N, C-alpha and C. Protein backbone atom coordinates (compact mmCIF):
# COMPACT_ATOMS: atom_id res chain seq x y z
N UNK A 1 89.22 83.28 115.42
CA UNK A 1 88.48 82.15 114.20
C UNK A 1 88.82 82.49 112.97
N UNK A 2 89.24 81.35 112.19
CA UNK A 2 89.65 81.26 110.88
C UNK A 2 88.54 81.38 109.95
N UNK A 3 88.50 82.23 109.05
CA UNK A 3 87.28 82.32 108.10
C UNK A 3 87.62 82.07 106.54
N UNK A 4 87.05 81.98 105.67
CA UNK A 4 87.24 81.63 104.35
C UNK A 4 87.96 83.16 103.64
N UNK A 5 88.94 82.64 102.88
CA UNK A 5 89.57 83.79 102.12
C UNK A 5 88.58 84.78 101.51
N UNK A 6 87.54 84.50 100.89
CA UNK A 6 86.72 85.23 100.05
C UNK A 6 85.96 86.27 101.44
N UNK A 7 85.66 85.78 102.52
CA UNK A 7 85.04 86.41 103.37
C UNK A 7 86.16 87.45 104.09
N UNK A 8 87.27 87.30 103.95
CA UNK A 8 88.32 88.12 104.20
C UNK A 8 88.19 89.18 103.43
N UNK A 9 88.26 88.91 102.26
CA UNK A 9 88.21 89.93 101.03
C UNK A 9 86.96 90.88 101.31
N UNK A 10 86.01 90.38 101.38
CA UNK A 10 84.52 91.19 101.74
C UNK A 10 84.92 92.00 102.81
N UNK A 11 85.46 91.53 103.83
CA UNK A 11 85.54 92.44 105.03
C UNK A 11 86.60 93.52 104.91
N UNK A 12 87.72 93.23 104.16
CA UNK A 12 88.57 94.22 103.69
C UNK A 12 88.05 95.09 102.88
N UNK A 13 87.14 94.75 101.96
CA UNK A 13 86.54 95.78 101.09
C UNK A 13 85.82 96.74 101.87
N UNK A 14 84.84 96.25 102.83
CA UNK A 14 84.02 97.07 103.66
C UNK A 14 84.99 98.03 104.35
N UNK A 15 85.94 97.46 105.08
CA UNK A 15 86.94 98.46 105.74
C UNK A 15 87.34 99.71 104.68
N UNK A 16 87.90 99.16 103.73
CA UNK A 16 88.25 100.12 102.68
C UNK A 16 87.42 101.32 102.08
N UNK A 17 86.21 100.78 101.75
CA UNK A 17 85.10 101.44 101.48
C UNK A 17 84.70 102.60 102.48
N UNK A 18 84.76 102.02 103.74
CA UNK A 18 84.18 102.73 104.67
C UNK A 18 85.19 103.91 104.99
N UNK A 19 86.52 103.78 104.76
CA UNK A 19 87.41 104.80 104.91
C UNK A 19 87.12 105.92 103.73
N UNK A 20 86.44 105.58 102.60
CA UNK A 20 86.38 106.31 101.47
C UNK A 20 84.81 106.98 101.60
N UNK A 21 84.04 106.34 102.17
CA UNK A 21 82.55 106.99 102.10
C UNK A 21 82.10 106.66 103.50
N UNK A 22 81.00 107.65 103.71
CA UNK A 22 80.34 107.78 105.00
C UNK A 22 79.64 106.22 105.32
N UNK A 23 79.07 105.84 104.17
CA UNK A 23 78.26 104.43 104.45
C UNK A 23 78.52 103.50 103.22
N UNK A 24 78.31 102.33 103.65
CA UNK A 24 78.75 101.23 102.64
C UNK A 24 77.33 100.47 102.48
N UNK A 25 77.13 100.06 101.32
CA UNK A 25 76.00 99.19 100.88
C UNK A 25 76.53 98.02 99.85
N UNK A 26 75.58 97.08 99.75
CA UNK A 26 75.92 96.01 99.10
C UNK A 26 76.34 96.38 97.54
N UNK A 27 75.68 97.42 96.88
CA UNK A 27 76.01 97.57 95.60
C UNK A 27 77.39 98.20 95.56
N UNK A 28 77.84 99.05 96.70
CA UNK A 28 79.23 99.61 96.45
C UNK A 28 80.26 98.62 96.68
N UNK A 29 79.93 97.51 97.30
CA UNK A 29 80.95 96.41 97.49
C UNK A 29 81.07 95.51 96.04
N UNK A 30 79.72 95.28 95.33
CA UNK A 30 79.57 94.91 94.30
C UNK A 30 80.35 95.49 93.22
N UNK A 31 80.24 96.89 93.07
CA UNK A 31 81.04 97.60 92.04
C UNK A 31 82.33 97.67 92.49
N UNK A 32 82.82 97.63 93.64
CA UNK A 32 84.24 97.78 93.95
C UNK A 32 85.00 96.50 93.45
N UNK A 33 84.36 95.45 93.62
CA UNK A 33 84.85 93.93 93.22
C UNK A 33 84.63 93.43 91.95
N UNK A 34 83.53 93.99 91.60
CA UNK A 34 83.18 93.84 90.00
C UNK A 34 82.31 92.37 90.11
N UNK A 35 81.65 92.12 91.23
CA UNK A 35 80.83 90.98 91.61
C UNK A 35 79.44 91.26 91.19
N UNK A 36 78.56 90.40 91.10
CA UNK A 36 77.22 90.53 90.97
C UNK A 36 76.53 90.91 92.04
N UNK A 37 75.44 91.66 92.09
CA UNK A 37 74.58 92.13 93.33
C UNK A 37 74.02 90.89 94.00
N UNK A 38 73.89 89.88 93.36
CA UNK A 38 73.23 88.71 94.12
C UNK A 38 74.27 87.77 94.62
N UNK A 39 75.49 87.90 94.21
CA UNK A 39 76.62 87.23 94.90
C UNK A 39 77.01 87.75 96.22
N UNK A 40 76.98 89.19 96.20
CA UNK A 40 77.32 90.00 97.25
C UNK A 40 76.40 89.67 98.29
N UNK A 41 75.11 89.87 98.04
CA UNK A 41 73.96 89.67 99.09
C UNK A 41 74.09 88.64 99.75
N UNK A 42 74.33 87.28 99.11
CA UNK A 42 74.56 86.11 99.69
C UNK A 42 75.80 86.11 100.68
N UNK A 43 76.86 86.78 100.38
CA UNK A 43 77.97 86.61 101.10
C UNK A 43 77.70 87.71 102.15
N UNK A 44 76.85 88.75 102.11
CA UNK A 44 76.56 89.63 103.16
C UNK A 44 75.81 89.01 104.27
N UNK A 45 74.89 88.19 103.82
CA UNK A 45 73.96 87.42 104.77
C UNK A 45 74.48 86.54 105.41
N UNK A 46 75.61 85.73 104.91
CA UNK A 46 76.55 85.04 105.80
C UNK A 46 77.22 85.60 106.60
N UNK A 47 77.92 86.68 106.17
CA UNK A 47 78.80 87.62 107.16
C UNK A 47 78.04 88.15 108.24
N UNK A 48 76.73 88.47 108.03
CA UNK A 48 75.78 88.97 109.13
C UNK A 48 75.53 87.95 109.97
N UNK A 49 75.21 86.53 109.50
CA UNK A 49 74.72 85.35 110.37
C UNK A 49 76.13 85.07 111.38
N UNK A 50 77.32 85.12 110.63
CA UNK A 50 78.56 85.05 111.40
C UNK A 50 79.04 85.83 112.45
N UNK A 51 78.28 86.87 112.34
CA UNK A 51 78.59 88.04 113.50
C UNK A 51 79.59 88.85 113.07
N UNK A 52 80.14 89.16 111.75
CA UNK A 52 81.12 89.95 111.19
C UNK A 52 80.61 91.02 110.73
N UNK A 53 79.33 91.49 110.63
CA UNK A 53 78.97 92.68 110.04
C UNK A 53 77.39 92.85 110.45
N UNK A 54 77.08 94.06 110.48
CA UNK A 54 75.82 94.40 110.84
C UNK A 54 75.20 95.15 109.83
N UNK A 55 73.92 94.97 109.53
CA UNK A 55 73.33 95.58 108.26
C UNK A 55 71.94 96.47 109.17
N UNK A 56 71.75 97.83 108.62
CA UNK A 56 70.85 98.37 109.35
C UNK A 56 69.48 98.32 108.26
N UNK A 57 68.54 98.90 108.77
CA UNK A 57 67.05 98.60 107.95
C UNK A 57 67.28 99.61 106.43
N UNK A 58 68.49 100.41 106.51
CA UNK A 58 68.44 101.23 105.24
C UNK A 58 69.70 100.43 104.20
N UNK A 59 70.03 99.35 104.66
CA UNK A 59 70.95 98.55 104.06
C UNK A 59 72.48 98.96 104.30
N UNK A 60 72.78 99.83 105.14
CA UNK A 60 74.26 100.35 105.25
C UNK A 60 74.77 99.31 106.23
N UNK A 61 76.04 98.93 105.80
CA UNK A 61 76.80 97.74 106.48
C UNK A 61 77.98 98.38 107.34
N UNK A 62 78.03 97.89 108.38
CA UNK A 62 79.17 98.13 109.24
C UNK A 62 79.70 96.78 110.00
N UNK A 63 81.07 97.09 109.99
CA UNK A 63 81.83 95.71 110.59
C UNK A 63 81.48 95.82 112.21
N UNK A 64 81.29 94.62 112.52
CA UNK A 64 81.28 94.29 114.23
C UNK A 64 82.88 94.34 114.46
N UNK A 65 82.99 94.29 115.93
CA UNK A 65 84.46 94.26 116.49
C UNK A 65 85.24 93.19 116.00
N UNK A 66 84.55 92.02 115.91
CA UNK A 66 85.20 90.87 115.05
C UNK A 66 85.66 90.91 113.75
N UNK A 67 84.67 91.49 113.05
CA UNK A 67 84.87 91.84 111.54
C UNK A 67 85.99 92.76 111.31
N UNK A 68 85.90 93.90 112.24
CA UNK A 68 86.75 94.89 111.99
C UNK A 68 88.23 94.27 112.15
N UNK A 69 88.56 93.63 113.28
CA UNK A 69 89.74 92.97 113.56
C UNK A 69 90.37 92.37 112.37
N UNK A 70 89.43 91.45 111.91
CA UNK A 70 89.95 90.66 110.72
C UNK A 70 90.23 91.38 109.51
N UNK A 71 89.34 92.36 109.28
CA UNK A 71 89.45 93.37 108.03
C UNK A 71 90.83 94.26 108.29
N UNK A 72 91.08 94.71 109.62
CA UNK A 72 92.29 95.35 109.62
C UNK A 72 93.45 94.55 109.56
N UNK A 73 93.42 93.36 110.08
CA UNK A 73 94.73 92.33 109.73
C UNK A 73 94.80 92.13 108.38
N UNK A 74 94.15 91.80 107.69
CA UNK A 74 94.04 91.54 106.19
C UNK A 74 94.73 92.71 105.48
N UNK A 75 94.22 93.91 105.77
CA UNK A 75 94.63 95.25 105.18
C UNK A 75 95.88 95.53 105.51
N UNK A 76 96.19 95.24 106.71
CA UNK A 76 97.61 95.79 107.20
C UNK A 76 98.65 94.62 106.54
N UNK A 77 98.38 93.71 106.30
CA UNK A 77 99.09 92.51 105.51
C UNK A 77 99.07 92.97 103.90
N UNK A 78 97.95 93.17 103.60
CA UNK A 78 98.06 93.81 101.92
C UNK A 78 99.17 94.92 101.63
N UNK A 79 98.74 96.14 102.61
CA UNK A 79 99.72 97.05 102.39
C UNK A 79 101.10 97.11 102.48
N UNK A 80 101.36 96.19 103.71
CA UNK A 80 102.95 95.89 103.74
C UNK A 80 103.53 95.19 102.78
N UNK A 81 102.89 93.82 102.67
CA UNK A 81 103.32 93.00 101.68
C UNK A 81 103.64 93.67 100.37
N UNK A 82 102.54 94.44 99.79
CA UNK A 82 102.53 95.09 98.43
C UNK A 82 103.77 96.19 98.27
N UNK A 83 103.73 97.00 99.42
CA UNK A 83 104.57 97.79 99.50
C UNK A 83 106.22 97.30 99.44
N UNK A 84 106.42 96.24 100.27
CA UNK A 84 107.76 95.62 100.26
C UNK A 84 107.81 94.72 98.93
N UNK A 85 107.12 94.32 98.28
CA UNK A 85 107.46 93.53 96.97
C UNK A 85 107.77 95.04 96.13
N UNK A 86 107.05 95.85 95.93
CA UNK A 86 107.34 96.91 95.27
C UNK A 86 108.71 97.54 95.48
N UNK A 87 109.21 97.65 96.48
CA UNK A 87 110.54 98.05 97.07
C UNK A 87 111.60 97.30 96.72
N UNK A 88 111.10 95.74 96.49
CA UNK A 88 112.09 94.82 95.88
C UNK A 88 112.26 94.83 94.56
N UNK A 89 111.38 95.65 93.69
CA UNK A 89 111.41 95.83 92.28
C UNK A 89 110.20 95.45 91.51
N UNK A 90 109.39 94.63 92.27
CA UNK A 90 108.16 94.00 91.60
C UNK A 90 107.20 95.08 91.07
N UNK A 91 106.90 95.04 89.85
CA UNK A 91 105.69 95.87 89.23
C UNK A 91 104.66 95.93 90.24
N UNK A 92 103.91 97.35 90.53
CA UNK A 92 102.97 97.72 91.16
C UNK A 92 101.74 96.79 91.16
N UNK A 93 101.20 96.31 90.00
CA UNK A 93 99.95 95.59 89.81
C UNK A 93 100.38 94.21 90.07
N UNK A 94 101.42 93.59 89.72
CA UNK A 94 101.92 92.30 90.37
C UNK A 94 102.01 92.16 91.68
N UNK A 95 102.64 93.13 92.30
CA UNK A 95 102.71 93.15 93.82
C UNK A 95 101.67 93.26 94.71
N UNK A 96 100.53 93.95 93.96
CA UNK A 96 99.23 94.01 94.75
C UNK A 96 98.65 92.80 94.40
N UNK A 97 98.68 91.90 93.49
CA UNK A 97 97.95 90.83 93.08
C UNK A 97 98.64 89.61 94.08
N UNK A 98 99.90 89.83 94.19
CA UNK A 98 100.40 88.63 95.01
C UNK A 98 100.29 88.79 96.36
N UNK A 99 100.24 90.29 96.84
CA UNK A 99 100.08 90.44 98.00
C UNK A 99 98.77 89.90 98.62
N UNK A 100 97.81 90.16 97.42
CA UNK A 100 96.36 89.73 97.80
C UNK A 100 96.30 88.19 98.29
N UNK A 101 97.13 87.34 97.49
CA UNK A 101 97.16 86.16 97.76
C UNK A 101 97.89 85.73 98.92
N UNK A 102 99.12 86.27 99.30
CA UNK A 102 99.94 85.90 100.52
C UNK A 102 99.07 86.33 101.74
N UNK A 103 98.54 87.50 101.84
CA UNK A 103 97.72 87.86 102.99
C UNK A 103 96.94 87.06 103.63
N UNK A 104 96.45 85.90 102.66
CA UNK A 104 95.44 85.05 103.38
C UNK A 104 96.02 83.74 103.97
N UNK A 105 97.39 83.65 103.58
CA UNK A 105 97.97 82.21 104.30
C UNK A 105 99.37 82.25 104.77
N UNK A 106 99.82 83.66 104.80
CA UNK A 106 101.07 83.68 105.88
C UNK A 106 100.54 83.71 107.06
N UNK A 107 101.59 82.90 108.13
CA UNK A 107 101.30 82.89 109.20
C UNK A 107 101.59 84.11 109.96
N UNK A 108 101.03 84.34 111.16
CA UNK A 108 101.41 85.53 111.88
C UNK A 108 102.63 85.79 112.30
N UNK A 109 103.40 84.51 112.55
CA UNK A 109 104.76 84.65 112.82
C UNK A 109 105.54 85.03 111.64
N UNK A 110 105.11 84.59 110.45
CA UNK A 110 106.03 85.25 109.66
C UNK A 110 105.77 86.38 109.11
N UNK A 111 104.51 86.74 109.35
CA UNK A 111 104.18 88.27 108.75
C UNK A 111 104.97 89.05 109.79
N UNK A 112 104.90 88.86 111.17
CA UNK A 112 105.72 89.75 112.13
C UNK A 112 107.01 89.81 111.81
N UNK A 113 107.65 88.75 111.38
CA UNK A 113 109.30 88.79 110.87
C UNK A 113 109.51 89.56 109.76
N UNK A 114 108.43 89.67 108.71
CA UNK A 114 108.62 90.66 107.54
C UNK A 114 108.50 92.07 107.97
N UNK A 115 107.32 92.13 108.91
CA UNK A 115 107.26 93.55 109.39
C UNK A 115 108.14 93.94 110.04
N UNK A 116 108.88 93.19 110.89
CA UNK A 116 110.17 93.71 111.58
C UNK A 116 111.32 93.91 110.46
N UNK A 117 111.48 93.13 109.63
CA UNK A 117 112.54 93.41 108.75
C UNK A 117 112.40 94.63 107.88
N UNK A 118 111.14 94.93 107.55
CA UNK A 118 110.78 96.04 106.70
C UNK A 118 110.99 97.31 107.54
N UNK A 119 110.67 97.29 108.85
CA UNK A 119 110.59 98.45 109.69
C UNK A 119 112.19 98.72 109.97
């Protein structure tokens, strides 16, 4: 299922924060992305309704199986593409920014071809 780029970014951020901390809350996401708490709350409501996250009674956010699959796909793309661009001589900050844009639009076929080439 194709979801919006912003939703993919939120899911990826939840995955990354979950690797750093034992529990993820909306305020953590807002801080990480430098977004307002109300904006993040709306996004979390939408992701919960679409079945990509679960939120417990204490406000702790976890990825559903579907949400985790999307987050891991986007994260893999981001890390591989930014690393590859840096190896090509692109500045680290620019490589990360470009990878963040590319990761959402690249086809699975093209990404797999780049992945094979890099490895």
